[in-house]
Amino acid sequence: MMHNIGAVFLLLASMVDAKGLDTILSKATFQKLFPNALPIYQYENMIAMSQKYPAFANTGNDDVDKRE
């Protein structure tokens, strides 16, 4: 399960633009995907980290972003 969460975070991070991750992934959708997520992996924490590190998986070219 943890590998799935990480993969989704990386995929979503690579899709983020200046508007932010919350514009492409709603809290309701996140909770459907991960109903038993540990507190550290909750939606609010993911959004906060995507705002704190906006360049993560969102700079360079597609190949570099996927490796991040």
N, C-alpha and C. Protein backbone atom coordinates (compact mmCIF):
# COMPACT_ATOMS: atom_id res chain seq x y z
N MET A 1 0.82 -1.20 0.00
CA MET A 1 0.00 0.00 0.00
C MET A 1 0.86 1.26 0.00
N MET A 2 1.95 1.28 0.76
CA MET A 2 2.79 2.47 0.82
C MET A 2 3.41 2.80 -0.53
N HIS A 3 3.77 1.79 -1.31
CA HIS A 3 4.31 2.05 -2.63
C HIS A 3 3.27 2.74 -3.50
N ASN A 4 2.01 2.35 -3.36
CA ASN A 4 0.94 2.97 -4.14
C ASN A 4 0.78 4.44 -3.78
N ILE A 5 0.82 4.76 -2.51
CA ILE A 5 0.68 6.15 -2.09
C ILE A 5 1.83 6.99 -2.65
N GLY A 6 3.03 6.48 -2.53
CA GLY A 6 4.18 7.21 -3.06
C GLY A 6 4.09 7.42 -4.55
N ALA A 7 3.67 6.40 -5.27
CA ALA A 7 3.54 6.52 -6.72
C ALA A 7 2.49 7.56 -7.09
N VAL A 8 1.39 7.57 -6.38
CA VAL A 8 0.35 8.57 -6.67
C VAL A 8 0.86 9.96 -6.36
N PHE A 9 1.57 10.14 -5.23
CA PHE A 9 2.11 11.45 -4.90
C PHE A 9 3.06 11.94 -5.99
N LEU A 10 3.92 11.05 -6.47
CA LEU A 10 4.86 11.44 -7.51
C LEU A 10 4.15 11.78 -8.81
N LEU A 11 3.18 10.98 -9.17
CA LEU A 11 2.42 11.24 -10.39
C LEU A 11 1.70 12.58 -10.29
N LEU A 12 1.04 12.82 -9.19
CA LEU A 12 0.30 14.07 -9.03
C LEU A 12 1.24 15.26 -8.96
N ALA A 13 2.35 15.10 -8.29
CA ALA A 13 3.31 16.20 -8.21
C ALA A 13 3.82 16.59 -9.58
N SER A 14 3.96 15.62 -10.47
CA SER A 14 4.44 15.93 -11.82
C SER A 14 3.39 16.64 -12.65
N MET A 15 2.12 16.60 -12.21
CA MET A 15 1.04 17.23 -12.95
C MET A 15 0.69 18.62 -12.41
N VAL A 16 1.30 19.02 -11.32
CA VAL A 16 0.96 20.28 -10.66
C VAL A 16 1.45 21.46 -11.48
N ASP A 17 0.61 22.48 -11.58
CA ASP A 17 1.04 23.73 -12.18
C ASP A 17 0.98 24.82 -11.12
N ALA A 18 0.99 26.07 -11.51
CA ALA A 18 1.00 27.17 -10.55
C ALA A 18 -0.25 27.20 -9.68
N LYS A 19 -1.31 26.58 -10.10
CA LYS A 19 -2.56 26.61 -9.34
C LYS A 19 -2.52 25.68 -8.14
N GLY A 20 -1.70 24.67 -8.15
CA GLY A 20 -1.55 23.80 -7.00
C GLY A 20 -2.20 22.44 -7.16
N LEU A 21 -1.73 21.53 -6.34
CA LEU A 21 -2.17 20.15 -6.37
C LEU A 21 -3.66 20.01 -6.04
N ASP A 22 -4.15 20.85 -5.16
CA ASP A 22 -5.56 20.74 -4.76
C ASP A 22 -6.53 21.03 -5.90
N THR A 23 -6.05 21.63 -6.99
CA THR A 23 -6.94 21.89 -8.13
C THR A 23 -7.13 20.65 -8.99
N ILE A 24 -6.25 19.66 -8.85
CA ILE A 24 -6.40 18.45 -9.67
C ILE A 24 -6.77 17.22 -8.85
N LEU A 25 -6.68 17.32 -7.53
CA LEU A 25 -7.05 16.20 -6.67
C LEU A 25 -7.86 16.72 -5.49
N SER A 26 -9.13 16.40 -5.47
CA SER A 26 -9.98 16.84 -4.36
C SER A 26 -9.75 15.97 -3.13
N LYS A 27 -10.14 16.49 -1.99
CA LYS A 27 -10.02 15.72 -0.76
C LYS A 27 -10.89 14.47 -0.82
N ALA A 28 -12.08 14.60 -1.39
CA ALA A 28 -12.98 13.45 -1.50
C ALA A 28 -12.37 12.33 -2.35
N THR A 29 -11.74 12.70 -3.46
CA THR A 29 -11.10 11.70 -4.31
C THR A 29 -9.93 11.05 -3.59
N PHE A 30 -9.12 11.86 -2.92
CA PHE A 30 -7.99 11.33 -2.17
C PHE A 30 -8.46 10.33 -1.12
N GLN A 31 -9.52 10.66 -0.41
CA GLN A 31 -10.02 9.77 0.64
C GLN A 31 -10.60 8.48 0.07
N LYS A 32 -11.13 8.54 -1.14
CA LYS A 32 -11.60 7.31 -1.79
C LYS A 32 -10.42 6.43 -2.19
N LEU A 33 -9.34 7.06 -2.66
CA LEU A 33 -8.15 6.31 -3.07
C LEU A 33 -7.42 5.71 -1.87
N PHE A 34 -7.38 6.44 -0.76
CA PHE A 34 -6.61 6.03 0.41
C PHE A 34 -7.45 6.15 1.69
N PRO A 35 -8.46 5.31 1.84
CA PRO A 35 -9.34 5.43 3.01
C PRO A 35 -8.66 5.13 4.34
N ASN A 36 -7.57 4.39 4.33
CA ASN A 36 -6.89 3.99 5.56
C ASN A 36 -5.50 4.60 5.68
N ALA A 37 -5.30 5.75 5.06
CA ALA A 37 -3.98 6.38 5.09
C ALA A 37 -3.59 6.76 6.52
N LEU A 38 -2.34 6.55 6.84
CA LEU A 38 -1.82 6.96 8.14
C LEU A 38 -1.89 8.48 8.25
N PRO A 39 -1.92 9.02 9.47
CA PRO A 39 -2.03 10.47 9.64
C PRO A 39 -1.00 11.28 8.85
N ILE A 40 0.22 10.80 8.77
CA ILE A 40 1.24 11.54 8.03
C ILE A 40 0.93 11.63 6.54
N TYR A 41 0.13 10.71 6.03
CA TYR A 41 -0.21 10.68 4.61
C TYR A 41 -1.60 11.25 4.33
N GLN A 42 -2.14 12.05 5.23
CA GLN A 42 -3.46 12.64 5.02
C GLN A 42 -3.40 13.73 3.96
N TYR A 43 -4.53 14.03 3.38
CA TYR A 43 -4.66 14.99 2.29
C TYR A 43 -4.06 16.35 2.65
N GLU A 44 -4.39 16.86 3.82
CA GLU A 44 -3.91 18.18 4.21
C GLU A 44 -2.39 18.23 4.25
N ASN A 45 -1.75 17.17 4.72
CA ASN A 45 -0.29 17.12 4.77
C ASN A 45 0.30 17.09 3.37
N MET A 46 -0.33 16.34 2.46
CA MET A 46 0.15 16.28 1.09
C MET A 46 0.06 17.65 0.43
N ILE A 47 -1.04 18.34 0.62
CA ILE A 47 -1.22 19.67 0.04
C ILE A 47 -0.20 20.64 0.62
N ALA A 48 -0.01 20.59 1.93
CA ALA A 48 0.96 21.48 2.58
C ALA A 48 2.37 21.26 2.03
N MET A 49 2.76 20.01 1.86
CA MET A 49 4.10 19.72 1.33
C MET A 49 4.23 20.13 -0.14
N SER A 50 3.17 19.97 -0.92
CA SER A 50 3.24 20.39 -2.32
C SER A 50 3.37 21.90 -2.42
N GLN A 51 2.83 22.63 -1.46
CA GLN A 51 2.97 24.09 -1.45
C GLN A 51 4.34 24.51 -0.93
N LYS A 52 4.89 23.74 -0.02
CA LYS A 52 6.20 24.07 0.54
C LYS A 52 7.32 23.80 -0.46
N TYR A 53 7.15 22.77 -1.30
CA TYR A 53 8.16 22.38 -2.27
C TYR A 53 7.57 22.37 -3.68
N PRO A 54 7.20 23.52 -4.23
CA PRO A 54 6.53 23.55 -5.53
C PRO A 54 7.39 23.06 -6.69
N ALA A 55 8.70 23.05 -6.54
CA ALA A 55 9.56 22.60 -7.64
C ALA A 55 9.69 21.08 -7.71
N PHE A 56 9.27 20.38 -6.65
CA PHE A 56 9.41 18.92 -6.63
C PHE A 56 8.62 18.30 -7.77
N ALA A 57 9.29 17.55 -8.61
CA ALA A 57 8.69 16.88 -9.77
C ALA A 57 7.95 17.86 -10.67
N ASN A 58 8.42 19.09 -10.71
CA ASN A 58 7.75 20.10 -11.52
C ASN A 58 8.75 21.03 -12.18
N THR A 59 9.99 20.55 -12.35
CA THR A 59 11.01 21.34 -13.04
C THR A 59 11.73 20.44 -14.01
N GLY A 60 12.47 21.01 -14.90
CA GLY A 60 13.20 20.19 -15.86
C GLY A 60 12.27 19.58 -16.89
N ASN A 61 12.70 18.45 -17.43
CA ASN A 61 11.87 17.79 -18.44
C ASN A 61 11.09 16.63 -17.81
N ASP A 62 10.24 16.00 -18.61
CA ASP A 62 9.38 14.93 -18.09
C ASP A 62 10.18 13.77 -17.51
N ASP A 63 11.29 13.40 -18.16
CA ASP A 63 12.09 12.27 -17.66
C ASP A 63 12.68 12.57 -16.28
N VAL A 64 13.20 13.77 -16.11
CA VAL A 64 13.77 14.16 -14.82
C VAL A 64 12.67 14.21 -13.76
N ASP A 65 11.54 14.79 -14.11
CA ASP A 65 10.43 14.90 -13.15
C ASP A 65 9.97 13.53 -12.67
N LYS A 66 9.90 12.56 -13.56
CA LYS A 66 9.46 11.22 -13.18
C LYS A 66 10.43 10.56 -12.20
N ARG A 67 11.72 10.87 -12.34
CA ARG A 67 12.70 10.30 -11.43
C ARG A 67 12.63 10.91 -10.04
N GLU A 68 12.19 12.16 -9.96
CA GLU A 68 12.06 12.79 -8.65
C GLU A 68 10.98 12.09 -7.88
